[in-house]
All heavy atoms as atom14 arrays in JSON, in Angstrom:
{
  "sequence": "LIDTNSGNAKRGICALPFVRYSDSEEVHFPSNLIENLFLSNGM",
  "atom14_mask": [
    [1, 1, 1, 1, 1, 1, 1, 1, 0, 0, 0, 0, 0, 0],
    [1, 1, 1, 1, 1, 1, 1, 1, 0, 0, 0, 0, 0, 0],
    [1, 1, 1, 1, 1, 1, 1, 1, 0, 0, 0, 0, 0, 0],
    [1, 1, 1, 1, 1, 1, 1, 0, 0, 0, 0, 0, 0, 0],
    [1, 1, 1, 1, 1, 1, 1, 1, 0, 0, 0, 0, 0, 0],
    [1, 1, 1, 1, 1, 1, 0, 0, 0, 0, 0, 0, 0, 0],
    [1, 1, 1, 1, 0, 0, 0, 0, 0, 0, 0, 0, 0, 0],
    [1, 1, 1, 1, 1, 1, 1, 1, 0, 0, 0, 0, 0, 0],
    [1, 1, 1, 1, 1, 0, 0, 0, 0, 0, 0, 0, 0, 0],
    [1, 1, 1, 1, 1, 1, 1, 1, 1, 0, 0, 0, 0, 0],
    [1, 1, 1, 1, 1, 1, 1, 1, 1, 1, 1, 0, 0, 0],
    [1, 1, 1, 1, 0, 0, 0, 0, 0, 0, 0, 0, 0, 0],
    [1, 1, 1, 1, 1, 1, 1, 1, 0, 0, 0, 0, 0, 0],
    [1, 1, 1, 1, 1, 1, 0, 0, 0, 0, 0, 0, 0, 0],
    [1, 1, 1, 1, 1, 0, 0, 0, 0, 0, 0, 0, 0, 0],
    [1, 1, 1, 1, 1, 1, 1, 1, 0, 0, 0, 0, 0, 0],
    [1, 1, 1, 1, 1, 1, 1, 0, 0, 0, 0, 0, 0, 0],
    [1, 1, 1, 1, 1, 1, 1, 1, 1, 1, 1, 0, 0, 0],
    [1, 1, 1, 1, 1, 1, 1, 0, 0, 0, 0, 0, 0, 0],
    [1, 1, 1, 1, 1, 1, 1, 1, 1, 1, 1, 0, 0, 0],
    [1, 1, 1, 1, 1, 1, 1, 1, 1, 1, 1, 1, 0, 0],
    [1, 1, 1, 1, 1, 1, 0, 0, 0, 0, 0, 0, 0, 0],
    [1, 1, 1, 1, 1, 1, 1, 1, 0, 0, 0, 0, 0, 0],
    [1, 1, 1, 1, 1, 1, 0, 0, 0, 0, 0, 0, 0, 0],
    [1, 1, 1, 1, 1, 1, 1, 1, 1, 0, 0, 0, 0, 0],
    [1, 1, 1, 1, 1, 1, 1, 1, 1, 0, 0, 0, 0, 0],
    [1, 1, 1, 1, 1, 1, 1, 0, 0, 0, 0, 0, 0, 0],
    [1, 1, 1, 1, 1, 1, 1, 1, 1, 1, 0, 0, 0, 0],
    [1, 1, 1, 1, 1, 1, 1, 1, 1, 1, 1, 0, 0, 0],
    [1, 1, 1, 1, 1, 1, 1, 0, 0, 0, 0, 0, 0, 0],
    [1, 1, 1, 1, 1, 1, 0, 0, 0, 0, 0, 0, 0, 0],
    [1, 1, 1, 1, 1, 1, 1, 1, 0, 0, 0, 0, 0, 0],
    [1, 1, 1, 1, 1, 1, 1, 1, 0, 0, 0, 0, 0, 0],
    [1, 1, 1, 1, 1, 1, 1, 1, 0, 0, 0, 0, 0, 0],
    [1, 1, 1, 1, 1, 1, 1, 1, 1, 0, 0, 0, 0, 0],
    [1, 1, 1, 1, 1, 1, 1, 1, 0, 0, 0, 0, 0, 0],
    [1, 1, 1, 1, 1, 1, 1, 1, 0, 0, 0, 0, 0, 0],
    [1, 1, 1, 1, 1, 1, 1, 1, 1, 1, 1, 0, 0, 0],
    [1, 1, 1, 1, 1, 1, 1, 1, 0, 0, 0, 0, 0, 0],
    [1, 1, 1, 1, 1, 1, 0, 0, 0, 0, 0, 0, 0, 0],
    [1, 1, 1, 1, 1, 1, 1, 1, 0, 0, 0, 0, 0, 0],
    [1, 1, 1, 1, 0, 0, 0, 0, 0, 0, 0, 0, 0, 0],
    [1, 1, 1, 1, 1, 1, 1, 1, 0, 0, 0, 0, 0, 0]
  ],
  "atom14_positions": [
    [[205.72, -152.74, -101.64], [204.99, -153.08, -100.33], [204.47, -154.48, -100.32], [203.63, -154.91, -99.48], [203.85, -152.11, -100.15], [204.22, -150.64, -99.96], [202.98, -149.73, -99.86], [205.16, -150.57, -98.66], [0.0, 0.0, 0.0], [0.0, 0.0, 0.0], [0.0, 0.0, 0.0], [0.0, 0.0, 0.0], [0.0, 0.0, 0.0], [0.0, 0.0, 0.0]],
    [[204.88, -155.29, -101.36], [204.49, -156.71, -101.39], [205.18, -157.38, -100.12], [206.35, -157.1, -99.95], [204.98, -157.44, -102.67], [204.35, -156.76, -103.82], [204.67, -158.89, -102.67], [202.84, -156.68, -103.92], [0.0, 0.0, 0.0], [0.0, 0.0, 0.0], [0.0, 0.0, 0.0], [0.0, 0.0, 0.0], [0.0, 0.0, 0.0], [0.0, 0.0, 0.0]],
    [[204.51, -158.13, -99.36], [205.04, -158.73, -98.2], [205.98, -159.89, -98.34], [205.85, -160.76, -99.36], [203.95, -159.07, -97.2], [203.29, -160.42, -97.45], [202.68, -160.52, -98.57], [203.37, -161.43, -96.66], [0.0, 0.0, 0.0], [0.0, 0.0, 0.0], [0.0, 0.0, 0.0], [0.0, 0.0, 0.0], [0.0, 0.0, 0.0], [0.0, 0.0, 0.0]],
    [[207.03, -159.97, -97.65], [208.13, -160.94, -97.76], [207.55, -162.33, -97.31], [208.11, -163.31, -98.12], [209.29, -160.63, -96.89], [209.65, -159.22, -97.07], [210.58, -161.41, -97.23], [0.0, 0.0, 0.0], [0.0, 0.0, 0.0], [0.0, 0.0, 0.0], [0.0, 0.0, 0.0], [0.0, 0.0, 0.0], [0.0, 0.0, 0.0], [0.0, 0.0, 0.0]],
    [[206.7, -162.41, -96.44], [206.36, -163.67, -95.87], [205.55, -164.52, -96.93], [205.86, -165.77, -96.97], [205.46, -163.46, -94.63], [206.14, -162.65, -93.52], [205.78, -161.65, -93.38], [207.2, -163.12, -93.01], [0.0, 0.0, 0.0], [0.0, 0.0, 0.0], [0.0, 0.0, 0.0], [0.0, 0.0, 0.0], [0.0, 0.0, 0.0], [0.0, 0.0, 0.0]],
    [[204.69, -163.93, -97.68], [204.01, -164.72, -98.66], [204.67, -164.72, -100.02], [204.68, -165.6, -100.72], [202.57, -164.08, -98.9], [202.49, -162.94, -99.71], [0.0, 0.0, 0.0], [0.0, 0.0, 0.0], [0.0, 0.0, 0.0], [0.0, 0.0, 0.0], [0.0, 0.0, 0.0], [0.0, 0.0, 0.0], [0.0, 0.0, 0.0], [0.0, 0.0, 0.0]],
    [[205.27, -163.52, -100.34], [205.99, -163.5, -101.64], [205.03, -163.44, -102.85], [205.47, -163.64, -103.95], [0.0, 0.0, 0.0], [0.0, 0.0, 0.0], [0.0, 0.0, 0.0], [0.0, 0.0, 0.0], [0.0, 0.0, 0.0], [0.0, 0.0, 0.0], [0.0, 0.0, 0.0], [0.0, 0.0, 0.0], [0.0, 0.0, 0.0], [0.0, 0.0, 0.0]],
    [[203.61, -163.22, -102.44], [202.59, -163.38, -103.42], [202.3, -162.18, -104.12], [201.25, -161.6, -103.78], [201.43, -164.11, -102.66], [200.42, -164.7, -103.75], [200.35, -164.35, -104.86], [199.57, -165.61, -103.22], [0.0, 0.0, 0.0], [0.0, 0.0, 0.0], [0.0, 0.0, 0.0], [0.0, 0.0, 0.0], [0.0, 0.0, 0.0], [0.0, 0.0, 0.0]],
    [[203.17, -161.78, -105.05], [202.94, -160.47, -105.77], [201.73, -160.43, -106.53], [201.03, -159.39, -106.65], [204.16, -160.23, -106.63], [0.0, 0.0, 0.0], [0.0, 0.0, 0.0], [0.0, 0.0, 0.0], [0.0, 0.0, 0.0], [0.0, 0.0, 0.0], [0.0, 0.0, 0.0], [0.0, 0.0, 0.0], [0.0, 0.0, 0.0], [0.0, 0.0, 0.0]],
    [[201.22, -161.6, -107.01], [199.95, -161.63, -107.79], [198.78, -161.3, -106.93], [197.75, -160.59, -107.4], [199.79, -162.99, -108.51], [200.79, -163.34, -109.53], [200.53, -164.79, -110.06], [201.47, -164.95, -111.25], [201.3, -166.36, -111.68], [0.0, 0.0, 0.0], [0.0, 0.0, 0.0], [0.0, 0.0, 0.0], [0.0, 0.0, 0.0], [0.0, 0.0, 0.0]],
    [[198.86, -161.58, -105.63], [197.77, -161.38, -104.78], [197.66, -159.82, -104.43], [196.62, -159.39, -104.03], [197.98, -162.26, -103.62], [196.73, -162.43, -102.71], [196.88, -163.52, -101.61], [195.75, -163.75, -100.91], [195.62, -164.61, -99.95], [196.63, -165.48, -99.68], [194.55, -164.72, -99.15], [0.0, 0.0, 0.0], [0.0, 0.0, 0.0], [0.0, 0.0, 0.0]],
    [[198.76, -159.15, -104.4], [198.79, -157.77, -104.12], [199.57, -157.54, -102.77], [200.42, -158.11, -102.35], [0.0, 0.0, 0.0], [0.0, 0.0, 0.0], [0.0, 0.0, 0.0], [0.0, 0.0, 0.0], [0.0, 0.0, 0.0], [0.0, 0.0, 0.0], [0.0, 0.0, 0.0], [0.0, 0.0, 0.0], [0.0, 0.0, 0.0], [0.0, 0.0, 0.0]],
    [[199.17, -156.35, -102.13], [199.63, -155.91, -100.89], [198.82, -156.24, -99.7], [197.66, -156.06, -99.64], [199.78, -154.34, -100.93], [200.72, -153.82, -102.12], [200.22, -153.8, -99.66], [200.55, -152.34, -102.4], [0.0, 0.0, 0.0], [0.0, 0.0, 0.0], [0.0, 0.0, 0.0], [0.0, 0.0, 0.0], [0.0, 0.0, 0.0], [0.0, 0.0, 0.0]],
    [[199.44, -156.97, -98.79], [198.63, -157.54, -97.58], [198.84, -156.39, -96.59], [199.94, -155.85, -96.2], [199.32, -158.75, -97.05], [198.51, -159.34, -95.61], [0.0, 0.0, 0.0], [0.0, 0.0, 0.0], [0.0, 0.0, 0.0], [0.0, 0.0, 0.0], [0.0, 0.0, 0.0], [0.0, 0.0, 0.0], [0.0, 0.0, 0.0], [0.0, 0.0, 0.0]],
    [[197.7, -155.98, -96.12], [197.63, -154.83, -95.27], [196.76, -155.12, -93.99], [195.88, -155.95, -94.02], [197.0, -153.6, -95.82], [0.0, 0.0, 0.0], [0.0, 0.0, 0.0], [0.0, 0.0, 0.0], [0.0, 0.0, 0.0], [0.0, 0.0, 0.0], [0.0, 0.0, 0.0], [0.0, 0.0, 0.0], [0.0, 0.0, 0.0], [0.0, 0.0, 0.0]],
    [[197.19, -154.67, -92.8], [196.63, -155.14, -91.51], [195.92, -153.92, -90.93], [196.39, -152.7, -91.01], [197.73, -155.46, -90.55], [198.76, -156.54, -91.08], [199.81, -156.85, -89.95], [197.96, -157.77, -91.51], [0.0, 0.0, 0.0], [0.0, 0.0, 0.0], [0.0, 0.0, 0.0], [0.0, 0.0, 0.0], [0.0, 0.0, 0.0], [0.0, 0.0, 0.0]],
    [[194.67, -154.12, -90.24], [193.93, -152.95, -89.73], [194.53, -152.52, -88.44], [194.81, -153.31, -87.47], [192.53, -153.7, -89.56], [192.85, -155.18, -89.34], [194.18, -155.39, -90.09], [0.0, 0.0, 0.0], [0.0, 0.0, 0.0], [0.0, 0.0, 0.0], [0.0, 0.0, 0.0], [0.0, 0.0, 0.0], [0.0, 0.0, 0.0], [0.0, 0.0, 0.0]],
    [[194.55, -151.23, -88.35], [194.98, -150.49, -87.07], [193.89, -149.4, -86.8], [193.23, -148.91, -87.79], [196.41, -149.82, -87.19], [197.54, -150.74, -87.02], [197.83, -151.69, -87.93], [198.19, -150.7, -85.81], [198.79, -152.58, -87.79], [199.32, -151.63, -85.62], [199.62, -152.46, -86.58], [0.0, 0.0, 0.0], [0.0, 0.0, 0.0], [0.0, 0.0, 0.0]],
    [[193.73, -149.06, -85.59], [192.72, -148.01, -85.27], [193.45, -146.7, -84.95], [194.41, -146.67, -84.16], [191.92, -148.35, -84.09], [190.94, -147.28, -83.72], [191.01, -149.66, -84.4], [0.0, 0.0, 0.0], [0.0, 0.0, 0.0], [0.0, 0.0, 0.0], [0.0, 0.0, 0.0], [0.0, 0.0, 0.0], [0.0, 0.0, 0.0], [0.0, 0.0, 0.0]],
    [[193.12, -145.7, -85.66], [193.64, -144.25, -85.49], [193.19, -143.77, -84.02], [191.88, -143.64, -83.92], [193.38, -143.35, -86.59], [194.03, -142.06, -86.56], [193.88, -141.37, -87.96], [192.55, -141.22, -88.38], [192.05, -141.12, -89.59], [192.89, -141.22, -90.64], [190.78, -140.95, -89.87], [0.0, 0.0, 0.0], [0.0, 0.0, 0.0], [0.0, 0.0, 0.0]],
    [[193.99, -143.5, -83.22], [193.62, -143.11, -81.81], [192.77, -141.82, -81.79], [191.92, -141.77, -80.97], [194.74, -143.1, -80.95], [194.43, -142.81, -79.44], [194.07, -143.8, -78.56], [194.66, -141.62, -78.88], [193.79, -143.7, -77.42], [194.32, -141.39, -77.54], [193.9, -142.46, -76.76], [193.67, -142.29, -75.47], [0.0, 0.0, 0.0], [0.0, 0.0, 0.0]],
    [[193.16, -140.98, -82.65], [192.43, -139.67, -82.45], [191.03, -139.5, -82.88], [190.17, -138.75, -82.31], [193.08, -138.52, -83.4], [193.08, -139.06, -84.81], [0.0, 0.0, 0.0], [0.0, 0.0, 0.0], [0.0, 0.0, 0.0], [0.0, 0.0, 0.0], [0.0, 0.0, 0.0], [0.0, 0.0, 0.0], [0.0, 0.0, 0.0], [0.0, 0.0, 0.0]],
    [[190.56, -140.59, -83.79], [189.02, -140.49, -84.03], [188.48, -141.96, -84.26], [187.38, -142.15, -84.64], [188.93, -139.81, -85.37], [189.58, -140.38, -86.6], [190.33, -141.45, -86.36], [189.65, -139.68, -87.61], [0.0, 0.0, 0.0], [0.0, 0.0, 0.0], [0.0, 0.0, 0.0], [0.0, 0.0, 0.0], [0.0, 0.0, 0.0], [0.0, 0.0, 0.0]],
    [[189.29, -143.0, -83.9], [188.82, -144.38, -83.88], [188.48, -144.81, -85.31], [187.83, -145.97, -85.41], [187.61, -144.62, -82.93], [187.93, -144.24, -81.63], [0.0, 0.0, 0.0], [0.0, 0.0, 0.0], [0.0, 0.0, 0.0], [0.0, 0.0, 0.0], [0.0, 0.0, 0.0], [0.0, 0.0, 0.0], [0.0, 0.0, 0.0], [0.0, 0.0, 0.0]],
    [[188.97, -144.2, -86.28], [188.96, -144.71, -87.62], [189.89, -145.88, -88.01], [191.03, -145.81, -87.47], [189.1, -143.61, -88.67], [187.9, -142.71, -88.64], [186.59, -143.25, -89.24], [186.6, -143.91, -90.28], [185.58, -142.96, -88.57], [0.0, 0.0, 0.0], [0.0, 0.0, 0.0], [0.0, 0.0, 0.0], [0.0, 0.0, 0.0], [0.0, 0.0, 0.0]],
    [[189.53, -146.87, -88.86], [190.43, -147.89, -89.16], [191.21, -147.47, -90.26], [190.89, -146.98, -91.33], [189.56, -149.14, -89.48], [190.31, -150.45, -89.67], [189.51, -151.71, -89.77], [188.89, -151.93, -90.9], [189.27, -152.38, -88.89], [0.0, 0.0, 0.0], [0.0, 0.0, 0.0], [0.0, 0.0, 0.0], [0.0, 0.0, 0.0], [0.0, 0.0, 0.0]],
    [[192.59, -147.74, -90.21], [193.5, -147.52, -91.21], [194.29, -148.78, -91.55], [194.73, -149.48, -90.62], [194.48, -146.43, -90.85], [195.69, -146.13, -91.89], [193.72, -145.05, -90.53], [0.0, 0.0, 0.0], [0.0, 0.0, 0.0], [0.0, 0.0, 0.0], [0.0, 0.0, 0.0], [0.0, 0.0, 0.0], [0.0, 0.0, 0.0], [0.0, 0.0, 0.0]],
    [[194.56, -149.14, -92.77], [195.31, -150.41, -93.18], [196.74, -150.18, -93.44], [197.03, -149.29, -94.3], [194.58, -151.06, -94.34], [193.36, -151.65, -93.88], [192.05, -151.16, -93.83], [193.17, -153.09, -93.55], [191.04, -152.06, -93.43], [191.77, -153.25, -93.26], [0.0, 0.0, 0.0], [0.0, 0.0, 0.0], [0.0, 0.0, 0.0], [0.0, 0.0, 0.0]],
    [[197.54, -150.69, -92.71], [199.09, -150.51, -92.86], [199.57, -151.77, -93.48], [199.39, -152.97, -93.14], [199.76, -150.55, -91.57], [199.79, -149.04, -90.92], [198.58, -148.6, -90.33], [200.85, -148.22, -91.01], [198.49, -147.37, -89.75], [200.87, -147.03, -90.3], [199.57, -146.57, -89.79], [0.0, 0.0, 0.0], [0.0, 0.0, 0.0], [0.0, 0.0, 0.0]],
    [[200.33, -151.58, -94.68], [200.95, -152.88, -95.17], [201.8, -153.53, -94.23], [202.7, -152.93, -93.6], [201.81, -152.12, -96.47], [201.17, -150.85, -96.74], [200.49, -150.41, -95.4], [0.0, 0.0, 0.0], [0.0, 0.0, 0.0], [0.0, 0.0, 0.0], [0.0, 0.0, 0.0], [0.0, 0.0, 0.0], [0.0, 0.0, 0.0], [0.0, 0.0, 0.0]],
    [[201.8, -154.84, -94.14], [202.58, -155.67, -93.36], [204.06, -155.49, -93.74], [204.98, -155.45, -92.87], [202.26, -157.16, -93.33], [202.37, -157.56, -94.68], [0.0, 0.0, 0.0], [0.0, 0.0, 0.0], [0.0, 0.0, 0.0], [0.0, 0.0, 0.0], [0.0, 0.0, 0.0], [0.0, 0.0, 0.0], [0.0, 0.0, 0.0], [0.0, 0.0, 0.0]],
    [[204.37, -155.29, -94.97], [205.77, -155.01, -95.45], [206.33, -153.77, -94.77], [207.46, -153.73, -94.31], [205.75, -154.82, -97.01], [207.05, -154.43, -97.53], [207.45, -153.19, -97.33], [207.83, -155.19, -98.12], [0.0, 0.0, 0.0], [0.0, 0.0, 0.0], [0.0, 0.0, 0.0], [0.0, 0.0, 0.0], [0.0, 0.0, 0.0], [0.0, 0.0, 0.0]],
    [[205.57, -152.71, -94.74], [205.95, -151.33, -94.1], [206.22, -151.55, -92.74], [207.26, -151.18, -92.13], [204.86, -150.43, -94.35], [205.14, -148.94, -93.81], [204.47, -147.96, -94.68], [204.81, -148.74, -92.37], [0.0, 0.0, 0.0], [0.0, 0.0, 0.0], [0.0, 0.0, 0.0], [0.0, 0.0, 0.0], [0.0, 0.0, 0.0], [0.0, 0.0, 0.0]],
    [[205.35, -152.35, -91.92], [205.63, -152.59, -90.51], [206.86, -153.39, -90.27], [207.71, -152.96, -89.46], [204.37, -153.35, -89.86], [203.13, -152.49, -90.1], [204.67, -153.72, -88.43], [201.87, -153.25, -89.78], [0.0, 0.0, 0.0], [0.0, 0.0, 0.0], [0.0, 0.0, 0.0], [0.0, 0.0, 0.0], [0.0, 0.0, 0.0], [0.0, 0.0, 0.0]],
    [[207.14, -154.47, -90.91], [208.19, -155.35, -90.67], [209.52, -154.67, -91.06], [210.54, -154.9, -90.38], [208.1, -156.64, -91.42], [208.4, -156.68, -92.97], [208.56, -158.01, -93.53], [207.9, -158.94, -93.11], [209.49, -158.12, -94.32], [0.0, 0.0, 0.0], [0.0, 0.0, 0.0], [0.0, 0.0, 0.0], [0.0, 0.0, 0.0], [0.0, 0.0, 0.0]],
    [[209.59, -153.8, -92.13], [210.7, -153.08, -92.56], [211.22, -152.07, -91.64], [212.37, -151.64, -91.54], [210.48, -152.45, -93.92], [210.9, -153.45, -95.08], [212.1, -153.62, -95.24], [209.98, -154.11, -95.63], [0.0, 0.0, 0.0], [0.0, 0.0, 0.0], [0.0, 0.0, 0.0], [0.0, 0.0, 0.0], [0.0, 0.0, 0.0], [0.0, 0.0, 0.0]],
    [[210.2, -151.22, -91.04], [210.53, -150.11, -90.32], [210.6, -150.21, -88.82], [211.25, -149.46, -88.1], [209.66, -148.95, -90.8], [209.74, -148.52, -92.27], [208.74, -147.35, -92.49], [211.08, -148.28, -92.69], [0.0, 0.0, 0.0], [0.0, 0.0, 0.0], [0.0, 0.0, 0.0], [0.0, 0.0, 0.0], [0.0, 0.0, 0.0], [0.0, 0.0, 0.0]],
    [[209.59, -151.07, -88.21], [209.32, -150.76, -86.81], [210.0, -151.94, -85.88], [210.14, -151.73, -84.71], [207.93, -150.85, -86.54], [207.17, -149.71, -86.92], [206.68, -149.61, -88.22], [207.08, -148.51, -86.18], [205.93, -148.39, -88.75], [206.42, -147.39, -86.61], [205.84, -147.43, -87.88], [0.0, 0.0, 0.0], [0.0, 0.0, 0.0], [0.0, 0.0, 0.0]],
    [[210.53, -153.05, -86.58], [211.03, -154.23, -85.82], [210.02, -154.53, -84.63], [208.87, -154.55, -84.76], [212.33, -153.93, -85.32], [213.47, -153.89, -86.4], [214.86, -153.81, -85.8], [213.43, -155.21, -87.18], [0.0, 0.0, 0.0], [0.0, 0.0, 0.0], [0.0, 0.0, 0.0], [0.0, 0.0, 0.0], [0.0, 0.0, 0.0], [0.0, 0.0, 0.0]],
    [[210.51, -154.65, -83.37], [209.74, -154.98, -82.19], [209.28, -153.77, -81.41], [208.55, -153.89, -80.38], [210.4, -155.91, -81.36], [211.55, -155.27, -80.71], [0.0, 0.0, 0.0], [0.0, 0.0, 0.0], [0.0, 0.0, 0.0], [0.0, 0.0, 0.0], [0.0, 0.0, 0.0], [0.0, 0.0, 0.0], [0.0, 0.0, 0.0], [0.0, 0.0, 0.0]],
    [[209.58, -152.57, -82.03], [209.24, -151.38, -81.16], [207.77, -151.11, -81.18], [207.17, -151.15, -82.18], [209.92, -150.11, -81.88], [209.96, -148.97, -80.93], [209.97, -149.17, -79.63], [210.2, -147.78, -81.34], [0.0, 0.0, 0.0], [0.0, 0.0, 0.0], [0.0, 0.0, 0.0], [0.0, 0.0, 0.0], [0.0, 0.0, 0.0], [0.0, 0.0, 0.0]],
    [[207.22, -151.01, -79.91], [205.82, -150.71, -79.77], [204.83, -151.9, -79.71], [203.67, -151.81, -80.27], [0.0, 0.0, 0.0], [0.0, 0.0, 0.0], [0.0, 0.0, 0.0], [0.0, 0.0, 0.0], [0.0, 0.0, 0.0], [0.0, 0.0, 0.0], [0.0, 0.0, 0.0], [0.0, 0.0, 0.0], [0.0, 0.0, 0.0], [0.0, 0.0, 0.0]],
    [[205.28, -153.02, -79.22], [204.46, -154.08, -79.05], [204.61, -154.6, -77.55], [205.72, -154.66, -77.09], [204.75, -155.35, -79.99], [206.18, -155.85, -79.96], [206.51, -157.27, -81.06], [206.35, -156.52, -82.64], [0.0, 0.0, 0.0], [0.0, 0.0, 0.0], [0.0, 0.0, 0.0], [0.0, 0.0, 0.0], [0.0, 0.0, 0.0], [0.0, 0.0, 0.0]]
  ]
}
């Protein structure tokens, strides 16, 4: 889940905040996961 854009493995996993619609809780999604699986779907 290290992101391709920074390639900064020492820094760790870059994760972006999303709000869970069912209860408005914040959940962090690795940017790597988003870019690998979703492409432009859902923006």
